[in-house]
PDB file of N, CA and C in Angstrom:
ATOM      1  N   MET A   1       0.838  -1.187   0.000  1.00  0.00           N
ATOM      2  CA  MET A   1       0.000   0.000   0.000  1.00  0.00           C
ATOM      3  C   MET A   1       0.885   1.253   0.000  1.00  0.00           C
ATOM      4  N   THR A   2       0.390   2.255  -0.672  1.00  0.00           N
ATOM      5  CA  THR A   2       1.078   3.538  -0.769  1.00  0.00           C
ATOM      6  C   THR A   2       0.362   4.533   0.127  1.00  0.00           C
ATOM      7  N   LYS A   3       1.121   5.276   0.939  1.00  0.00           N
ATOM      8  CA  LYS A   3       0.532   6.272   1.824  1.00  0.00           C
ATOM      9  C   LYS A   3       0.551   7.628   1.131  1.00  0.00           C
ATOM     10  N   ILE A   4      -0.612   8.302   1.153  1.00  0.00           N
ATOM     11  CA  ILE A   4      -0.741   9.652   0.626  1.00  0.00           C
ATOM     12  C   ILE A   4      -1.267  10.528   1.750  1.00  0.00           C
ATOM     13  N   THR A   5      -0.652  11.689   1.929  1.00  0.00           N
ATOM     14  CA  THR A   5      -1.096  12.635   2.938  1.00  0.00           C
ATOM     15  C   THR A   5      -1.777  13.806   2.252  1.00  0.00           C
ATOM     16  N   PHE A   6      -3.005  14.073   2.653  1.00  0.00           N
ATOM     17  CA  PHE A   6      -3.767  15.216   2.161  1.00  0.00           C
ATOM     18  C   PHE A   6      -3.753  16.280   3.242  1.00  0.00           C
ATOM     19  N   ILE A   7      -3.412  17.499   2.863  1.00  0.00           N
ATOM     20  CA  ILE A   7      -3.452  18.620   3.794  1.00  0.00           C
ATOM     21  C   ILE A   7      -4.561  19.541   3.318  1.00  0.00           C
ATOM     22  N   GLU A   8      -5.627  19.595   4.110  1.00  0.00           N
ATOM     23  CA  GLU A   8      -6.780  20.406   3.746  1.00  0.00           C
ATOM     24  C   GLU A   8      -6.476  21.880   3.987  1.00  0.00           C
ATOM     25  N   ALA A   9      -7.281  22.764   3.406  1.00  0.00           N
ATOM     26  CA  ALA A   9      -7.044  24.206   3.481  1.00  0.00           C
ATOM     27  C   ALA A   9      -6.982  24.718   4.912  1.00  0.00           C
ATOM     28  N   ASP A  10      -7.691  24.074   5.830  1.00  0.00           N
ATOM     29  CA  ASP A  10      -7.680  24.514   7.227  1.00  0.00           C
ATOM     30  C   ASP A  10      -6.514  23.921   8.016  1.00  0.00           C
ATOM     31  N   GLY A  11      -5.646  23.166   7.336  1.00  0.00           N
ATOM     32  CA  GLY A  11      -4.485  22.571   7.981  1.00  0.00           C
ATOM     33  C   GLY A  11      -4.687  21.150   8.468  1.00  0.00           C
ATOM     34  N   THR A  12      -5.917  20.647   8.413  1.00  0.00           N
ATOM     35  CA  THR A  12      -6.190  19.272   8.811  1.00  0.00           C
ATOM     36  C   THR A  12      -5.410  18.316   7.903  1.00  0.00           C
ATOM     37  N   THR A  13      -4.762  17.344   8.511  1.00  0.00           N
ATOM     38  CA  THR A  13      -3.992  16.354   7.763  1.00  0.00           C
ATOM     39  C   THR A  13      -4.725  15.021   7.803  1.00  0.00           C
ATOM     40  N   VAL A  14      -4.876  14.426   6.634  1.00  0.00           N
ATOM     41  CA  VAL A  14      -5.517  13.120   6.516  1.00  0.00           C
ATOM     42  C   VAL A  14      -4.554  12.196   5.780  1.00  0.00           C
ATOM     43  N   GLU A  15      -4.208  11.080   6.418  1.00  0.00           N
ATOM     44  CA  GLU A  15      -3.364  10.087   5.762  1.00  0.00           C
ATOM     45  C   GLU A  15      -4.262   8.985   5.220  1.00  0.00           C
ATOM     46  N   ALA A  16      -4.002   8.599   3.981  1.00  0.00           N
ATOM     47  CA  ALA A  16      -4.825   7.580   3.324  1.00  0.00           C
ATOM     48  C   ALA A  16      -3.921   6.544   2.670  1.00  0.00           C
ATOM     49  N   LYS A  17      -4.424   5.338   2.588  1.00  0.00           N
ATOM     50  CA  LYS A  17      -3.723   4.243   1.916  1.00  0.00           C
ATOM     51  C   LYS A  17      -4.289   4.081   0.519  1.00  0.00           C
ATOM     52  N   ALA A  18      -3.407   3.812  -0.427  1.00  0.00           N
ATOM     53  CA  ALA A  18      -3.820   3.679  -1.824  1.00  0.00           C
ATOM     54  C   ALA A  18      -3.208   2.426  -2.435  1.00  0.00           C
ATOM     55  N   GLU A  19      -3.962   1.816  -3.301  1.00  0.00           N
ATOM     56  CA  GLU A  19      -3.479   0.682  -4.093  1.00  0.00           C
ATOM     57  C   GLU A  19      -2.892   1.225  -5.394  1.00  0.00           C
ATOM     58  N   PRO A  20      -1.810   0.655  -5.890  1.00  0.00           N
ATOM     59  CA  PRO A  20      -1.286   1.061  -7.187  1.00  0.00           C
ATOM     60  C   PRO A  20      -2.382   0.976  -8.254  1.00  0.00           C
ATOM     61  N   GLY A  21      -2.393   1.976  -9.123  1.00  0.00           N
ATOM     62  CA  GLY A  21      -3.386   2.034 -10.189  1.00  0.00           C
ATOM     63  C   GLY A  21      -4.582   2.902  -9.864  1.00  0.00           C
ATOM     64  N   MET A  22      -4.845   3.133  -8.573  1.00  0.00           N
ATOM     65  CA  MET A  22      -5.919   4.053  -8.204  1.00  0.00           C
ATOM     66  C   MET A  22      -5.497   5.460  -8.614  1.00  0.00           C
ATOM     67  N   SER A  23      -6.466   6.336  -8.791  1.00  0.00           N
ATOM     68  CA  SER A  23      -6.113   7.740  -8.988  1.00  0.00           C
ATOM     69  C   SER A  23      -6.068   8.423  -7.626  1.00  0.00           C
ATOM     70  N   VAL A  24      -5.318   9.487  -7.537  1.00  0.00           N
ATOM     71  CA  VAL A  24      -5.271  10.258  -6.290  1.00  0.00           C
ATOM     72  C   VAL A  24      -6.672  10.773  -5.964  1.00  0.00           C
ATOM     73  N   MET A  25      -7.477  11.066  -6.981  1.00  0.00           N
ATOM     74  CA  MET A  25      -8.860  11.484  -6.761  1.00  0.00           C
ATOM     75  C   MET A  25      -9.648  10.394  -6.047  1.00  0.00           C
ATOM     76  N   GLN A  26      -9.521   9.148  -6.492  1.00  0.00           N
ATOM     77  CA  GLN A  26     -10.230   8.043  -5.846  1.00  0.00           C
ATOM     78  C   GLN A  26      -9.810   7.906  -4.388  1.00  0.00           C
ATOM     79  N   VAL A  27      -8.530   8.060  -4.137  1.00  0.00           N
ATOM     80  CA  VAL A  27      -8.016   7.965  -2.774  1.00  0.00           C
ATOM     81  C   VAL A  27      -8.623   9.075  -1.917  1.00  0.00           C
ATOM     82  N   ALA A  28      -8.665  10.299  -2.453  1.00  0.00           N
ATOM     83  CA  ALA A  28      -9.221  11.434  -1.719  1.00  0.00           C
ATOM     84  C   ALA A  28     -10.699  11.229  -1.407  1.00  0.00           C
ATOM     85  N   VAL A  29     -11.452  10.794  -2.392  1.00  0.00           N
ATOM     86  CA  VAL A  29     -12.892  10.553  -2.187  1.00  0.00           C
ATOM     87  C   VAL A  29     -13.091   9.465  -1.135  1.00  0.00           C
ATOM     88  N   ASN A  30     -12.334   8.372  -1.236  1.00  0.00           N
ATOM     89  CA  ASN A  30     -12.444   7.284  -0.265  1.00  0.00           C
ATOM     90  C   ASN A  30     -12.082   7.735   1.144  1.00  0.00           C
ATOM     91  N   ALA A  31     -11.176   8.724   1.242  1.00  0.00           N
ATOM     92  CA  ALA A  31     -10.724   9.225   2.540  1.00  0.00           C
ATOM     93  C   ALA A  31     -11.640  10.327   3.085  1.00  0.00           C
ATOM     94  N   GLY A  32     -12.661  10.692   2.319  1.00  0.00           N
ATOM     95  CA  GLY A  32     -13.610  11.700   2.778  1.00  0.00           C
ATOM     96  C   GLY A  32     -13.128  13.131   2.647  1.00  0.00           C
ATOM     97  N   ILE A  33     -12.246  13.396   1.705  1.00  0.00           N
ATOM     98  CA  ILE A  33     -11.765  14.763   1.482  1.00  0.00           C
ATOM     99  C   ILE A  33     -12.853  15.519   0.716  1.00  0.00           C
ATOM    100  N   ALA A  34     -13.642  16.308   1.443  1.00  0.00           N
ATOM    101  CA  ALA A  34     -14.820  16.965   0.870  1.00  0.00           C
ATOM    102  C   ALA A  34     -14.481  17.962  -0.232  1.00  0.00           C
ATOM    103  N   ALA A  35     -13.329  18.605  -0.163  1.00  0.00           N
ATOM    104  CA  ALA A  35     -12.982  19.618  -1.161  1.00  0.00           C
ATOM    105  C   ALA A  35     -12.600  19.012  -2.510  1.00  0.00           C
ATOM    106  N   ILE A  36     -12.419  17.709  -2.580  1.00  0.00           N
ATOM    107  CA  ILE A  36     -12.212  17.033  -3.861  1.00  0.00           C
ATOM    108  C   ILE A  36     -13.582  16.510  -4.294  1.00  0.00           C
ATOM    109  N   ALA A  37     -14.301  17.350  -5.031  1.00  0.00           N
ATOM    110  CA  ALA A  37     -15.685  17.050  -5.395  1.00  0.00           C
ATOM    111  C   ALA A  37     -15.791  15.943  -6.450  1.00  0.00           C
ATOM    112  N   ALA A  38     -14.856  15.912  -7.386  1.00  0.00           N
ATOM    113  CA  ALA A  38     -14.807  14.850  -8.404  1.00  0.00           C
ATOM    114  C   ALA A  38     -16.129  14.693  -9.144  1.00  0.00           C
ATOM    115  N   GLU A  39     -16.685  15.796  -9.576  1.00  0.00           N
ATOM    116  CA  GLU A  39     -18.009  15.776 -10.207  1.00  0.00           C
ATOM    117  C   GLU A  39     -18.077  14.975 -11.494  1.00  0.00           C
ATOM    118  N   CYS A  40     -17.000  14.912 -12.264  1.00  0.00           N
ATOM    119  CA  CYS A  40     -17.055  14.166 -13.522  1.00  0.00           C
ATOM    120  C   CYS A  40     -16.604  12.718 -13.347  1.00  0.00           C
ATOM    121  N   GLY A  41     -16.282  12.334 -12.131  1.00  0.00           N
ATOM    122  CA  GLY A  41     -15.915  10.953 -11.865  1.00  0.00           C
ATOM    123  C   GLY A  41     -14.553  10.537 -12.384  1.00  0.00           C
ATOM    124  N   GLY A  42     -13.725  11.491 -12.718  1.00  0.00           N
ATOM    125  CA  GLY A  42     -12.376  11.155 -13.167  1.00  0.00           C
ATOM    126  C   GLY A  42     -12.173  11.214 -14.665  1.00  0.00           C
ATOM    127  N   ALA A  43     -13.076  11.872 -15.387  1.00  0.00           N
ATOM    128  CA  ALA A  43     -12.992  11.935 -16.842  1.00  0.00           C
ATOM    129  C   ALA A  43     -12.170  13.118 -17.360  1.00  0.00           C
ATOM    130  N   CYS A  44     -11.537  13.864 -16.459  1.00  0.00           N
ATOM    131  CA  CYS A  44     -10.745  15.038 -16.834  1.00  0.00           C
ATOM    132  C   CYS A  44     -11.601  16.040 -17.598  1.00  0.00           C
ATOM    133  N   ALA A  45     -12.836  16.245 -17.085  1.00  0.00           N
ATOM    134  CA  ALA A  45     -13.781  17.104 -17.791  1.00  0.00           C
ATOM    135  C   ALA A  45     -14.359  18.226 -16.944  1.00  0.00           C
ATOM    136  N   CYS A  46     -13.874  18.397 -15.695  1.00  0.00           N
ATOM    137  CA  CYS A  46     -14.513  19.433 -14.884  1.00  0.00           C
ATOM    138  C   CYS A  46     -13.569  20.246 -14.008  1.00  0.00           C
ATOM    139  N   GLY A  47     -12.481  19.711 -13.556  1.00  0.00           N
ATOM    140  CA  GLY A  47     -11.556  20.444 -12.705  1.00  0.00           C
ATOM    141  C   GLY A  47     -11.908  20.447 -11.230  1.00  0.00           C
ATOM    142  N   THR A  48     -12.948  19.710 -10.811  1.00  0.00           N
ATOM    143  CA  THR A  48     -13.358  19.732  -9.405  1.00  0.00           C
ATOM    144  C   THR A  48     -12.555  18.774  -8.529  1.00  0.00           C
ATOM    145  N   CYS A  49     -11.487  18.242  -9.070  1.00  0.00           N
ATOM    146  CA  CYS A  49     -10.560  17.435  -8.274  1.00  0.00           C
ATOM    147  C   CYS A  49      -9.191  18.097  -8.227  1.00  0.00           C
ATOM    148  N   HIS A  50      -9.180  19.396  -8.517  1.00  0.00           N
ATOM    149  CA  HIS A  50      -7.946  20.178  -8.504  1.00  0.00           C
ATOM    150  C   HIS A  50      -7.242  20.045  -7.159  1.00  0.00           C
ATOM    151  N   CYS A  51      -5.931  19.921  -7.208  1.00  0.00           N
ATOM    152  CA  CYS A  51      -5.118  19.856  -5.997  1.00  0.00           C
ATOM    153  C   CYS A  51      -3.771  20.489  -6.283  1.00  0.00           C
ATOM    154  N   TYR A  52      -3.012  20.668  -5.208  1.00  0.00           N
ATOM    155  CA  TYR A  52      -1.646  21.171  -5.321  1.00  0.00           C
ATOM    156  C   TYR A  52      -0.700  20.076  -4.847  1.00  0.00           C
ATOM    157  N   VAL A  53       0.178  19.645  -5.715  1.00  0.00           N
ATOM    158  CA  VAL A  53       1.174  18.649  -5.345  1.00  0.00           C
ATOM    159  C   VAL A  53       2.265  19.381  -4.562  1.00  0.00           C
ATOM    160  N   ALA A  54       2.670  18.821  -3.428  1.00  0.00           N
ATOM    161  CA  ALA A  54       3.737  19.435  -2.632  1.00  0.00           C
ATOM    162  C   ALA A  54       4.981  19.616  -3.497  1.00  0.00           C
ATOM    163  N   ASP A  55       5.666  20.729  -3.289  1.00  0.00           N
ATOM    164  CA  ASP A  55       6.827  21.087  -4.115  1.00  0.00           C
ATOM    165  C   ASP A  55       7.828  19.948  -4.260  1.00  0.00           C
ATOM    166  N   GLU A  56       8.103  19.236  -3.171  1.00  0.00           N
ATOM    167  CA  GLU A  56       9.118  18.181  -3.225  1.00  0.00           C
ATOM    168  C   GLU A  56       8.681  16.979  -4.063  1.00  0.00           C
ATOM    169  N   TRP A  57       7.413  16.912  -4.424  1.00  0.00           N
ATOM    170  CA  TRP A  57       6.893  15.810  -5.235  1.00  0.00           C
ATOM    171  C   TRP A  57       6.595  16.209  -6.679  1.00  0.00           C
ATOM    172  N   ALA A  58       6.505  17.484  -6.944  1.00  0.00           N
ATOM    173  CA  ALA A  58       6.039  17.949  -8.258  1.00  0.00           C
ATOM    174  C   ALA A  58       6.843  17.377  -9.418  1.00  0.00           C
ATOM    175  N   ASP A  59       8.147  17.325  -9.289  1.00  0.00           N
ATOM    176  CA  ASP A  59       8.990  16.828 -10.387  1.00  0.00           C
ATOM    177  C   ASP A  59       9.102  15.308 -10.427  1.00  0.00           C
ATOM    178  N   LYS A  60       8.562  14.640  -9.427  1.00  0.00           N
ATOM    179  CA  LYS A  60       8.644  13.179  -9.372  1.00  0.00           C
ATOM    180  C   LYS A  60       7.462  12.505 -10.061  1.00  0.00           C
ATOM    181  N   LEU A  61       6.430  13.263 -10.367  1.00  0.00           N
ATOM    182  CA  LEU A  61       5.239  12.706 -10.999  1.00  0.00           C
ATOM    183  C   LEU A  61       5.318  12.851 -12.513  1.00  0.00           C
ATOM    184  N   THR A  62       4.599  11.996 -13.202  1.00  0.00           N
ATOM    185  CA  THR A  62       4.486  12.119 -14.648  1.00  0.00           C
ATOM    186  C   THR A  62       3.846  13.473 -14.963  1.00  0.00           C
ATOM    187  N   PRO A  63       4.404  14.238 -15.886  1.00  0.00           N
ATOM    188  CA  PRO A  63       3.826  15.553 -16.193  1.00  0.00           C
ATOM    189  C   PRO A  63       2.412  15.432 -16.764  1.00  0.00           C
ATOM    190  N   PRO A  64       1.619  16.485 -16.591  1.00  0.00           N
ATOM    191  CA  PRO A  64       0.253  16.439 -17.113  1.00  0.00           C
ATOM    192  C   PRO A  64       0.236  16.382 -18.649  1.00  0.00           C
ATOM    193  N   GLU A  65      -0.758  15.678 -19.170  1.00  0.00           N
ATOM    194  CA  GLU A  65      -0.950  15.645 -20.618  1.00  0.00           C
ATOM    195  C   GLU A  65      -1.742  16.886 -21.029  1.00  0.00           C
ATOM    196  N   ASP A  66      -1.869  17.094 -22.334  1.00  0.00           N
ATOM    197  CA  ASP A  66      -2.501  18.314 -22.849  1.00  0.00           C
ATOM    198  C   ASP A  66      -3.923  18.525 -22.346  1.00  0.00           C
ATOM    199  N   ASP A  67      -4.729  17.460 -22.272  1.00  0.00           N
ATOM    200  CA  ASP A  67      -6.116  17.643 -21.840  1.00  0.00           C
ATOM    201  C   ASP A  67      -6.179  18.111 -20.386  1.00  0.00           C
ATOM    202  N   GLU A  68      -5.281  17.616 -19.542  1.00  0.00           N
ATOM    203  CA  GLU A  68      -5.241  18.070 -18.150  1.00  0.00           C
ATOM    204  C   GLU A  68      -4.775  19.523 -18.082  1.00  0.00           C
ATOM    205  N   THR A  69      -3.744  19.849 -18.828  1.00  0.00           N
ATOM    206  CA  THR A  69      -3.240  21.222 -18.847  1.00  0.00           C
ATOM    207  C   THR A  69      -4.326  22.193 -19.295  1.00  0.00           C
ATOM    208  N   ASP A  70      -5.084  21.806 -20.317  1.00  0.00           N
ATOM    209  CA  ASP A  70      -6.185  22.649 -20.790  1.00  0.00           C
ATOM    210  C   ASP A  70      -7.232  22.854 -19.697  1.00  0.00           C
ATOM    211  N   MET A  71      -7.586  21.805 -18.976  1.00  0.00           N
ATOM    212  CA  MET A  71      -8.599  21.897 -17.926  1.00  0.00           C
ATOM    213  C   MET A  71      -8.095  22.737 -16.751  1.00  0.00           C
ATOM    214  N   LEU A  72      -6.808  22.684 -16.475  1.00  0.00           N
ATOM    215  CA  LEU A  72      -6.241  23.475 -15.375  1.00  0.00           C
ATOM    216  C   LEU A  72      -6.380  24.978 -15.615  1.00  0.00           C
ATOM    217  N   ASP A  73      -6.582  25.379 -16.874  1.00  0.00           N
ATOM    218  CA  ASP A  73      -6.810  26.793 -17.169  1.00  0.00           C
ATOM    219  C   ASP A  73      -8.098  27.304 -16.537  1.00  0.00           C
ATOM    220  N   PHE A  74      -8.987  26.401 -16.139  1.00  0.00           N
ATOM    221  CA  PHE A  74     -10.300  26.798 -15.627  1.00  0.00           C
ATOM    222  C   PHE A  74     -10.446  26.641 -14.118  1.00  0.00           C
ATOM    223  N   VAL A  75      -9.418  26.180 -13.424  1.00  0.00           N
ATOM    224  CA  VAL A  75      -9.528  25.998 -11.976  1.00  0.00           C
ATOM    225  C   VAL A  75      -9.271  27.319 -11.256  1.00  0.00           C
ATOM    226  N   ILE A  76      -9.706  27.378 -10.007  1.00  0.00           N
ATOM    227  CA  ILE A  76      -9.494  28.567  -9.178  1.00  0.00           C
ATOM    228  C   ILE A  76      -8.080  28.523  -8.606  1.00  0.00           C
ATOM    229  N   ASP A  77      -7.383  29.634  -8.685  1.00  0.00           N
ATOM    230  CA  ASP A  77      -6.050  29.798  -8.101  1.00  0.00           C
ATOM    231  C   ASP A  77      -5.051  28.708  -8.487  1.00  0.00           C
ATOM    232  N   PRO A  78      -4.835  28.492  -9.784  1.00  0.00           N
ATOM    233  CA  PRO A  78      -3.833  27.495 -10.172  1.00  0.00           C
ATOM    234  C   PRO A  78      -2.423  27.971  -9.819  1.00  0.00           C
ATOM    235  N   THR A  79      -1.553  27.017  -9.583  1.00  0.00           N
ATOM    236  CA  THR A  79      -0.138  27.307  -9.321  1.00  0.00           C
ATOM    237  C   THR A  79       0.705  26.402 -10.209  1.00  0.00           C
ATOM    238  N   ALA A  80       2.004  26.522 -10.092  1.00  0.00           N
ATOM    239  CA  ALA A  80       2.913  25.686 -10.887  1.00  0.00           C
ATOM    240  C   ALA A  80       2.779  24.210 -10.532  1.00  0.00           C
ATOM    241  N   THR A  81       2.274  23.898  -9.328  1.00  0.00           N
ATOM    242  CA  THR A  81       2.140  22.495  -8.927  1.00  0.00           C
ATOM    243  C   THR A  81       0.686  22.018  -8.950  1.00  0.00           C
ATOM    244  N   SER A  82      -0.189  22.786  -9.588  1.00  0.00           N
ATOM    245  CA  SER A  82      -1.586  22.362  -9.708  1.00  0.00           C
ATOM    246  C   SER A  82      -1.694  21.136 -10.585  1.00  0.00           C
ATOM    247  N   ARG A  83      -2.548  20.216 -10.166  1.00  0.00           N
ATOM    248  CA  ARG A  83      -2.849  19.017 -10.955  1.00  0.00           C
ATOM    249  C   ARG A  83      -4.311  18.676 -10.749  1.00  0.00           C
ATOM    250  N   LEU A  84      -4.846  17.891 -11.660  1.00  0.00           N
ATOM    251  CA  LEU A  84      -6.145  17.268 -11.457  1.00  0.00           C
ATOM    252  C   LEU A  84      -5.854  15.908 -10.845  1.00  0.00           C
ATOM    253  N   SER A  85      -6.373  15.691  -9.659  1.00  0.00           N
ATOM    254  CA  SER A  85      -6.036  14.457  -8.946  1.00  0.00           C
ATOM    255  C   SER A  85      -6.535  13.212  -9.670  1.00  0.00           C
ATOM    256  N   CYS A  86      -7.519  13.368 -10.559  1.00  0.00           N
ATOM    257  CA  CYS A  86      -7.997  12.214 -11.326  1.00  0.00           C
ATOM    258  C   CYS A  86      -6.978  11.745 -12.349  1.00  0.00           C
ATOM    259  N   GLN A  87      -6.007  12.587 -12.646  1.00  0.00           N
ATOM    260  CA  GLN A  87      -5.022  12.257 -13.674  1.00  0.00           C
ATOM    261  C   GLN A  87      -3.686  11.774 -13.103  1.00  0.00           C
ATOM    262  N   ILE A  88      -3.630  11.611 -11.777  1.00  0.00           N
ATOM    263  CA  ILE A  88      -2.413  11.119 -11.139  1.00  0.00           C
ATOM    264  C   ILE A  88      -2.661   9.676 -10.715  1.00  0.00           C
ATOM    265  N   ALA A  89      -2.039   8.750 -11.413  1.00  0.00           N
ATOM    266  CA  ALA A  89      -2.181   7.329 -11.086  1.00  0.00           C
ATOM    267  C   ALA A  89      -1.152   6.963 -10.018  1.00  0.00           C
ATOM    268  N   VAL A  90      -1.620   6.336  -8.966  1.00  0.00           N
ATOM    269  CA  VAL A  90      -0.762   5.956  -7.849  1.00  0.00           C
ATOM    270  C   VAL A  90       0.179   4.828  -8.255  1.00  0.00           C
ATOM    271  N   THR A  91       1.439   4.992  -7.874  1.00  0.00           N
ATOM    272  CA  THR A  91       2.442   3.948  -8.049  1.00  0.00           C
ATOM    273  C   THR A  91       3.117   3.714  -6.690  1.00  0.00           C
ATOM    274  N   PRO A  92       3.761   2.576  -6.498  1.00  0.00           N
ATOM    275  CA  PRO A  92       4.460   2.338  -5.229  1.00  0.00           C
ATOM    276  C   PRO A  92       5.520   3.402  -4.922  1.00  0.00           C
ATOM    277  N   GLU A  93       6.098   3.995  -5.958  1.00  0.00           N
ATOM    278  CA  GLU A  93       7.125   5.016  -5.768  1.00  0.00           C
ATOM    279  C   GLU A  93       6.569   6.300  -5.159  1.00  0.00           C
ATOM    280  N   MET A  94       5.260   6.441  -5.119  1.00  0.00           N
ATOM    281  CA  MET A  94       4.624   7.639  -4.569  1.00  0.00           C
ATOM    282  C   MET A  94       4.376   7.544  -3.073  1.00  0.00           C
ATOM    283  N   ASP A  95       4.906   6.522  -2.427  1.00  0.00           N
ATOM    284  CA  ASP A  95       4.695   6.383  -0.994  1.00  0.00           C
ATOM    285  C   ASP A  95       5.199   7.642  -0.283  1.00  0.00           C
ATOM    286  N   GLY A  96       4.310   8.290   0.474  1.00  0.00           N
ATOM    287  CA  GLY A  96       4.647   9.521   1.174  1.00  0.00           C
ATOM    288  C   GLY A  96       4.225  10.776   0.435  1.00  0.00           C
ATOM    289  N   LEU A  97       3.586  10.623  -0.732  1.00  0.00           N
ATOM    290  CA  LEU A  97       3.118  11.769  -1.517  1.00  0.00           C
ATOM    291  C   LEU A  97       2.289  12.704  -0.645  1.00  0.00           C
ATOM    292  N   VAL A  98       2.513  14.006  -0.815  1.00  0.00           N
ATOM    293  CA  VAL A  98       1.766  15.016  -0.070  1.00  0.00           C
ATOM    294  C   VAL A  98       0.977  15.861  -1.067  1.00  0.00           C
ATOM    295  N   ILE A  99      -0.319  15.955  -0.814  1.00  0.00           N
ATOM    296  CA  ILE A  99      -1.244  16.716  -1.653  1.00  0.00           C
ATOM    297  C   ILE A  99      -1.899  17.798  -0.803  1.00  0.00           C
ATOM    298  N   ASN A 100      -1.817  19.037  -1.265  1.00  0.00           N
ATOM    299  CA  ASN A 100      -2.509  20.144  -0.610  1.00  0.00           C
ATOM    300  C   ASN A 100      -3.829  20.360  -1.333  1.00  0.00           C
ATOM    301  N   VAL A 101      -4.882  20.497  -0.545  1.00  0.00           N
ATOM    302  CA  VAL A 101      -6.233  20.604  -1.080  1.00  0.00           C
ATOM    303  C   VAL A 101      -6.688  22.056  -1.017  1.00  0.00           C
ATOM    304  N   PRO A 102      -7.208  22.600  -2.136  1.00  0.00           N
ATOM    305  CA  PRO A 102      -7.693  23.971  -2.101  1.00  0.00           C
ATOM    306  C   PRO A 102      -8.939  24.095  -1.214  1.00  0.00           C
ATOM    307  N   SER A 103      -9.228  25.313  -0.797  1.00  0.00           N
ATOM    308  CA  SER A 103     -10.383  25.527   0.059  1.00  0.00           C
ATOM    309  C   SER A 103     -11.696  25.349  -0.696  1.00  0.00           C
ATOM    310  N   SER A 104     -11.664  25.570  -2.012  1.00  0.00           N
ATOM    311  CA  SER A 104     -12.886  25.462  -2.803  1.00  0.00           C
ATOM    312  C   SER A 104     -12.534  25.123  -4.240  1.00  0.00           C
ATOM    313  N   GLN A 105     -13.449  24.442  -4.906  1.00  0.00           N
ATOM    314  CA  GLN A 105     -13.282  24.132  -6.321  1.00  0.00           C
ATOM    315  C   GLN A 105     -14.138  25.057  -7.186  1.00  0.00           C
ATOM    316  N   THR A 106     -14.964  25.876  -6.547  1.00  0.00           N
ATOM    317  CA  THR A 106     -15.853  26.763  -7.317  1.00  0.00           C
ATOM    318  C   THR A 106     -15.662  28.204  -6.930  1.00  0.00           C
TER     319      THR A 106
END
């Protein structure tokens, strides 16, 4: 199992276990992270699973593809480490991944 730590906007930390192949969005939803709305169910069509990858992890993940980059243009307060959590597939190498959750997706 891979451990992922979600840091919510209010500073609450939630540690979750993930199976390889799951998306970070699925892990967040399973862990009850309310700010990851995931309205499109992981189809990279809405941006409601927007998150911020911790700086120390940003370069370790596969870069976003064009469709994700296009969708990130529509999220609130994007940064250089913004990602759609539905597009990050969990691998064993991601053990300890830290994800910061925005306060709102709308």
